[in-house]
Amino acid sequence: MCVMNNIKLAIITLSSLISLYLIHIYGISKHLYVGIWYYDLIAHFLGGICLALSALYILKNPKYIILITFILGVMWEIYEWYFNLTGHPFGSYEYNFDTIKDLIVDTIGAVFVWYIVSRNKIRK
């Protein structure tokens, strides 16, 4: 069952991915992840939206988009740990707080997509 028009979903997904890429590159180049305390929240929220939209586009079903987004968020946090991108020592309070915060915000982005899609299905 098609959640929304495939072309429309592809355009929304691609636009979101491009926006995330631009926000991330700009944030790195201008040191905004360090300079603006909430910049990481914006990036992770949009990242959760992008992952959920991508999962929706591939699966054509919103049933598992929250779980998939969470799992991919965990994989991103492993990437951050491996390349020491958090700026905090592994296992420190700051590191643990950043990781949990990132996963929560990723998941909120996925819940946002799920809610919009589910609400759209009810209206039809």
N, C-alpha and C. Protein backbone atom coordinates (compact mmCIF):
# COMPACT_ATOMS: atom_id res chain seq x y z
N MET A 1 0.84 -1.18 0.00
CA MET A 1 0.00 0.00 0.00
C MET A 1 0.89 1.24 0.00
N CYS A 2 0.63 2.12 -0.91
CA CYS A 2 1.45 3.31 -1.06
C CYS A 2 1.06 4.35 -0.01
N VAL A 3 2.04 4.82 0.75
CA VAL A 3 1.79 5.80 1.80
C VAL A 3 1.47 7.15 1.18
N MET A 4 2.24 7.57 0.25
CA MET A 4 2.00 8.80 -0.50
C MET A 4 2.59 8.60 -1.88
N ASN A 5 2.31 9.50 -2.74
CA ASN A 5 2.83 9.43 -4.08
C ASN A 5 4.34 9.21 -4.03
N ASN A 6 4.82 8.20 -4.77
CA ASN A 6 6.24 7.83 -4.75
C ASN A 6 7.15 8.98 -5.17
N ILE A 7 6.75 9.73 -6.17
CA ILE A 7 7.55 10.86 -6.64
C ILE A 7 7.61 11.94 -5.55
N LYS A 8 6.47 12.23 -4.95
CA LYS A 8 6.41 13.24 -3.89
C LYS A 8 7.30 12.83 -2.71
N LEU A 9 7.23 11.58 -2.31
CA LEU A 9 8.06 11.08 -1.21
C LEU A 9 9.54 11.15 -1.58
N ALA A 10 9.88 10.81 -2.81
CA ALA A 10 11.27 10.88 -3.26
C ALA A 10 11.79 12.31 -3.22
N ILE A 11 10.99 13.27 -3.66
CA ILE A 11 11.40 14.67 -3.65
C ILE A 11 11.58 15.19 -2.23
N ILE A 12 10.64 14.85 -1.35
CA ILE A 12 10.74 15.27 0.05
C ILE A 12 11.97 14.65 0.71
N THR A 13 12.20 13.37 0.46
CA THR A 13 13.34 12.67 1.05
C THR A 13 14.65 13.26 0.53
N LEU A 14 14.75 13.44 -0.76
CA LEU A 14 15.98 13.99 -1.35
C LEU A 14 16.23 15.42 -0.88
N SER A 15 15.19 16.22 -0.80
CA SER A 15 15.33 17.60 -0.31
C SER A 15 15.80 17.62 1.14
N SER A 16 15.26 16.72 1.95
CA SER A 16 15.68 16.63 3.36
C SER A 16 17.13 16.20 3.48
N LEU A 17 17.53 15.23 2.66
CA LEU A 17 18.92 14.75 2.70
C LEU A 17 19.90 15.85 2.27
N ILE A 18 19.53 16.59 1.23
CA ILE A 18 20.39 17.70 0.78
C ILE A 18 20.47 18.77 1.86
N SER A 19 19.35 19.08 2.49
CA SER A 19 19.34 20.07 3.58
C SER A 19 20.24 19.62 4.72
N LEU A 20 20.13 18.36 5.11
CA LEU A 20 20.98 17.84 6.19
C LEU A 20 22.45 17.94 5.81
N TYR A 21 22.77 17.56 4.59
CA TYR A 21 24.15 17.64 4.13
C TYR A 21 24.68 19.07 4.21
N LEU A 22 23.90 20.02 3.73
CA LEU A 22 24.33 21.42 3.73
C LEU A 22 24.47 21.96 5.16
N ILE A 23 23.52 21.62 6.02
CA ILE A 23 23.59 22.05 7.42
C ILE A 23 24.82 21.46 8.10
N HIS A 24 25.11 20.20 7.82
CA HIS A 24 26.25 19.53 8.43
C HIS A 24 27.57 20.15 7.93
N ILE A 25 27.71 20.30 6.63
CA ILE A 25 28.94 20.86 6.07
C ILE A 25 29.14 22.30 6.55
N TYR A 26 28.09 23.09 6.53
CA TYR A 26 28.18 24.47 7.00
C TYR A 26 28.55 24.52 8.49
N GLY A 27 27.92 23.65 9.26
CA GLY A 27 28.20 23.60 10.70
C GLY A 27 29.63 23.23 11.01
N ILE A 28 30.18 22.31 10.23
CA ILE A 28 31.59 21.93 10.43
C ILE A 28 32.51 23.08 10.02
N SER A 29 32.24 23.65 8.86
CA SER A 29 33.15 24.70 8.35
C SER A 29 33.15 25.96 9.22
N LYS A 30 32.03 26.27 9.85
CA LYS A 30 31.93 27.47 10.69
C LYS A 30 32.01 27.16 12.19
N HIS A 31 32.33 25.89 12.52
CA HIS A 31 32.47 25.45 13.91
C HIS A 31 31.19 25.69 14.72
N LEU A 32 30.05 25.52 14.08
CA LEU A 32 28.77 25.78 14.74
C LEU A 32 28.40 24.69 15.75
N TYR A 33 28.91 23.47 15.54
CA TYR A 33 28.62 22.40 16.50
C TYR A 33 29.20 22.74 17.87
N VAL A 34 30.27 23.50 17.89
CA VAL A 34 30.90 23.91 19.14
C VAL A 34 30.36 25.26 19.59
N GLY A 35 30.13 26.16 18.64
CA GLY A 35 29.75 27.53 18.97
C GLY A 35 28.30 27.73 19.35
N ILE A 36 27.40 26.91 18.83
CA ILE A 36 25.98 27.03 19.13
C ILE A 36 25.53 25.72 19.79
N TRP A 37 25.13 25.80 21.05
CA TRP A 37 24.87 24.59 21.83
C TRP A 37 23.78 23.71 21.25
N TYR A 38 22.81 24.27 20.55
CA TYR A 38 21.69 23.49 20.02
C TYR A 38 21.86 23.07 18.57
N TYR A 39 22.98 23.41 17.94
CA TYR A 39 23.18 23.08 16.52
C TYR A 39 23.17 21.57 16.31
N ASP A 40 23.77 20.84 17.23
CA ASP A 40 23.78 19.37 17.15
C ASP A 40 22.37 18.81 17.24
N LEU A 41 21.51 19.44 18.04
CA LEU A 41 20.12 19.00 18.15
C LEU A 41 19.39 19.14 16.82
N ILE A 42 19.60 20.27 16.16
CA ILE A 42 18.97 20.50 14.86
C ILE A 42 19.43 19.45 13.85
N ALA A 43 20.74 19.20 13.82
CA ALA A 43 21.29 18.23 12.88
C ALA A 43 20.76 16.83 13.15
N HIS A 44 20.68 16.44 14.41
CA HIS A 44 20.18 15.09 14.73
C HIS A 44 18.68 14.97 14.49
N PHE A 45 17.92 16.02 14.77
CA PHE A 45 16.49 15.98 14.48
C PHE A 45 16.26 15.81 12.98
N LEU A 46 16.95 16.61 12.18
CA LEU A 46 16.82 16.50 10.73
C LEU A 46 17.37 15.15 10.25
N GLY A 47 18.42 14.67 10.90
CA GLY A 47 18.95 13.34 10.56
C GLY A 47 17.92 12.25 10.82
N GLY A 48 17.21 12.35 11.94
CA GLY A 48 16.15 11.37 12.22
C GLY A 48 15.05 11.43 11.19
N ILE A 49 14.69 12.64 10.76
CA ILE A 49 13.68 12.81 9.72
C ILE A 49 14.16 12.18 8.41
N CYS A 50 15.42 12.45 8.06
CA CYS A 50 15.97 11.90 6.81
C CYS A 50 16.01 10.38 6.83
N LEU A 51 16.46 9.81 7.94
CA LEU A 51 16.51 8.35 8.05
C LEU A 51 15.11 7.75 7.97
N ALA A 52 14.16 8.35 8.65
CA ALA A 52 12.79 7.84 8.64
C ALA A 52 12.18 7.96 7.24
N LEU A 53 12.39 9.08 6.58
CA LEU A 53 11.88 9.24 5.21
C LEU A 53 12.53 8.24 4.25
N SER A 54 13.82 8.03 4.41
CA SER A 54 14.51 7.06 3.56
C SER A 54 13.98 5.64 3.80
N ALA A 55 13.78 5.29 5.06
CA ALA A 55 13.22 3.98 5.39
C ALA A 55 11.81 3.85 4.83
N LEU A 56 11.03 4.91 4.93
CA LEU A 56 9.67 4.91 4.39
C LEU A 56 9.69 4.73 2.88
N TYR A 57 10.60 5.42 2.21
CA TYR A 57 10.71 5.32 0.75
C TYR A 57 11.08 3.89 0.33
N ILE A 58 12.00 3.28 1.07
CA ILE A 58 12.44 1.93 0.72
C ILE A 58 11.39 0.88 1.06
N LEU A 59 10.82 0.97 2.26
CA LEU A 59 9.89 -0.06 2.74
C LEU A 59 8.45 0.14 2.27
N LYS A 60 8.10 1.38 1.96
CA LYS A 60 6.73 1.74 1.56
C LYS A 60 5.72 1.48 2.68
N ASN A 61 6.22 1.41 3.93
CA ASN A 61 5.37 1.12 5.07
C ASN A 61 5.98 1.80 6.29
N PRO A 62 5.19 2.59 7.02
CA PRO A 62 5.74 3.31 8.18
C PRO A 62 5.92 2.46 9.43
N LYS A 63 5.60 1.18 9.34
CA LYS A 63 5.56 0.33 10.53
C LYS A 63 6.89 0.29 11.30
N TYR A 64 8.01 0.23 10.61
CA TYR A 64 9.30 0.05 11.28
C TYR A 64 10.23 1.25 11.19
N ILE A 65 9.75 2.40 10.73
CA ILE A 65 10.67 3.51 10.50
C ILE A 65 11.29 4.04 11.79
N ILE A 66 10.58 3.98 12.89
CA ILE A 66 11.14 4.45 14.16
C ILE A 66 12.26 3.51 14.62
N LEU A 67 12.03 2.23 14.56
CA LEU A 67 13.04 1.25 14.95
C LEU A 67 14.27 1.34 14.06
N ILE A 68 14.06 1.43 12.76
CA ILE A 68 15.19 1.53 11.82
C ILE A 68 16.00 2.80 12.09
N THR A 69 15.30 3.90 12.33
CA THR A 69 15.99 5.16 12.62
C THR A 69 16.81 5.04 13.89
N PHE A 70 16.27 4.41 14.92
CA PHE A 70 17.01 4.23 16.17
C PHE A 70 18.27 3.38 15.94
N ILE A 71 18.12 2.29 15.21
CA ILE A 71 19.27 1.41 14.95
C ILE A 71 20.34 2.15 14.16
N LEU A 72 19.94 2.90 13.14
CA LEU A 72 20.91 3.67 12.36
C LEU A 72 21.53 4.79 13.21
N GLY A 73 20.76 5.34 14.13
CA GLY A 73 21.29 6.34 15.06
C GLY A 73 22.37 5.73 15.95
N VAL A 74 22.15 4.52 16.41
CA VAL A 74 23.17 3.82 17.21
C VAL A 74 24.43 3.60 16.37
N MET A 75 24.23 3.24 15.11
CA MET A 75 25.39 3.05 14.22
C MET A 75 26.16 4.37 14.04
N TRP A 76 25.44 5.49 13.94
CA TRP A 76 26.10 6.79 13.83
C TRP A 76 26.88 7.11 15.10
N GLU A 77 26.32 6.78 16.24
CA GLU A 77 27.02 7.04 17.50
C GLU A 77 28.29 6.19 17.61
N ILE A 78 28.26 4.99 17.08
CA ILE A 78 29.47 4.16 17.04
C ILE A 78 30.51 4.83 16.14
N TYR A 79 30.06 5.38 15.02
CA TYR A 79 30.93 6.13 14.12
C TYR A 79 31.54 7.32 14.84
N GLU A 80 30.72 8.08 15.57
CA GLU A 80 31.22 9.22 16.35
C GLU A 80 32.25 8.78 17.38
N TRP A 81 31.99 7.66 18.04
CA TRP A 81 32.94 7.14 19.03
C TRP A 81 34.25 6.74 18.36
N TYR A 82 34.16 5.99 17.25
CA TYR A 82 35.35 5.48 16.58
C TYR A 82 36.26 6.62 16.12
N PHE A 83 35.68 7.69 15.60
CA PHE A 83 36.48 8.82 15.10
C PHE A 83 36.59 9.95 16.13
N ASN A 84 36.15 9.69 17.34
CA ASN A 84 36.25 10.64 18.45
C ASN A 84 35.67 12.01 18.06
N LEU A 85 34.44 12.01 17.58
CA LEU A 85 33.82 13.24 17.11
C LEU A 85 33.05 14.00 18.18
N THR A 86 32.86 13.40 19.34
CA THR A 86 32.09 14.09 20.38
C THR A 86 32.90 15.13 21.12
N GLY A 87 34.20 14.98 21.13
CA GLY A 87 35.04 15.92 21.86
C GLY A 87 35.10 15.65 23.35
N HIS A 88 34.53 14.53 23.77
CA HIS A 88 34.54 14.16 25.19
C HIS A 88 35.16 12.78 25.34
N PRO A 89 35.82 12.52 26.45
CA PRO A 89 36.39 11.19 26.67
C PRO A 89 35.30 10.13 26.75
N PHE A 90 35.57 8.98 26.13
CA PHE A 90 34.61 7.88 26.16
C PHE A 90 34.27 7.51 27.60
N GLY A 91 32.98 7.37 27.87
CA GLY A 91 32.52 6.97 29.19
C GLY A 91 32.31 8.11 30.16
N SER A 92 32.74 9.31 29.79
CA SER A 92 32.53 10.45 30.69
C SER A 92 31.06 10.84 30.70
N TYR A 93 30.68 11.63 31.70
CA TYR A 93 29.30 12.10 31.79
C TYR A 93 28.90 12.83 30.51
N GLU A 94 29.78 13.72 30.03
CA GLU A 94 29.48 14.51 28.84
C GLU A 94 29.29 13.63 27.61
N TYR A 95 30.15 12.61 27.49
CA TYR A 95 30.04 11.69 26.36
C TYR A 95 28.72 10.92 26.40
N ASN A 96 28.42 10.37 27.58
CA ASN A 96 27.18 9.60 27.72
C ASN A 96 25.95 10.48 27.49
N PHE A 97 25.98 11.69 28.04
CA PHE A 97 24.86 12.62 27.85
C PHE A 97 24.68 12.94 26.38
N ASP A 98 25.76 13.23 25.67
CA ASP A 98 25.68 13.55 24.25
C ASP A 98 25.11 12.39 23.44
N THR A 99 25.55 11.18 23.75
CA THR A 99 25.08 10.01 23.02
C THR A 99 23.59 9.77 23.25
N ILE A 100 23.15 9.83 24.49
CA ILE A 100 21.74 9.61 24.80
C ILE A 100 20.88 10.71 24.19
N LYS A 101 21.33 11.96 24.30
CA LYS A 101 20.61 13.09 23.73
C LYS A 101 20.46 12.92 22.21
N ASP A 102 21.54 12.54 21.55
CA ASP A 102 21.52 12.36 20.09
C ASP A 102 20.52 11.28 19.69
N LEU A 103 20.53 10.16 20.40
CA LEU A 103 19.61 9.07 20.08
C LEU A 103 18.15 9.46 20.32
N ILE A 104 17.91 10.21 21.37
CA ILE A 104 16.55 10.67 21.65
C ILE A 104 16.07 11.62 20.55
N VAL A 105 16.93 12.55 20.16
CA VAL A 105 16.54 13.54 19.14
C VAL A 105 16.37 12.86 17.78
N ASP A 106 17.23 11.90 17.44
CA ASP A 106 17.06 11.12 16.20
C ASP A 106 15.68 10.46 16.19
N THR A 107 15.35 9.84 17.31
CA THR A 107 14.08 9.12 17.43
C THR A 107 12.90 10.07 17.37
N ILE A 108 13.02 11.25 17.96
CA ILE A 108 11.94 12.24 17.89
C ILE A 108 11.70 12.63 16.43
N GLY A 109 12.77 12.78 15.65
CA GLY A 109 12.62 13.06 14.22
C GLY A 109 11.86 11.97 13.51
N ALA A 110 12.14 10.71 13.84
CA ALA A 110 11.44 9.58 13.24
C ALA A 110 9.97 9.54 13.67
N VAL A 111 9.71 9.83 14.94
CA VAL A 111 8.33 9.86 15.44
C VAL A 111 7.55 10.96 14.73
N PHE A 112 8.19 12.09 14.48
CA PHE A 112 7.57 13.19 13.75
C PHE A 112 7.12 12.71 12.36
N VAL A 113 8.00 12.03 11.64
CA VAL A 113 7.65 11.51 10.31
C VAL A 113 6.53 10.49 10.43
N TRP A 114 6.65 9.57 11.36
CA TRP A 114 5.62 8.54 11.55
C TRP A 114 4.27 9.18 11.85
N TYR A 115 4.26 10.20 12.70
CA TYR A 115 3.01 10.88 13.05
C TYR A 115 2.38 11.54 11.83
N ILE A 116 3.18 12.25 11.06
CA ILE A 116 2.67 12.93 9.86
C ILE A 116 2.11 11.91 8.87
N VAL A 117 2.84 10.83 8.65
CA VAL A 117 2.40 9.80 7.71
C VAL A 117 1.14 9.10 8.23
N SER A 118 1.13 8.76 9.49
CA SER A 118 -0.04 8.08 10.08
C SER A 118 -1.28 8.98 10.05
N ARG A 119 -1.08 10.23 10.34
CA ARG A 119 -2.20 11.20 10.30
C ARG A 119 -2.72 11.36 8.88
N ASN A 120 -1.82 11.35 7.92
CA ASN A 120 -2.19 11.47 6.51
C ASN A 120 -2.99 10.25 6.06
N LYS A 121 -2.61 9.05 6.54
CA LYS A 121 -3.34 7.84 6.18
C LYS A 121 -4.76 7.84 6.76
N ILE A 122 -4.92 8.37 7.97
CA ILE A 122 -6.23 8.41 8.62
C ILE A 122 -7.17 9.33 7.85
N ARG A 123 -6.67 10.44 7.38
CA ARG A 123 -7.49 11.41 6.65
C ARG A 123 -8.00 10.87 5.33
N LYS A 124 -7.23 9.97 4.71
CA LYS A 124 -7.62 9.47 3.38
C LYS A 124 -8.67 8.43 3.44
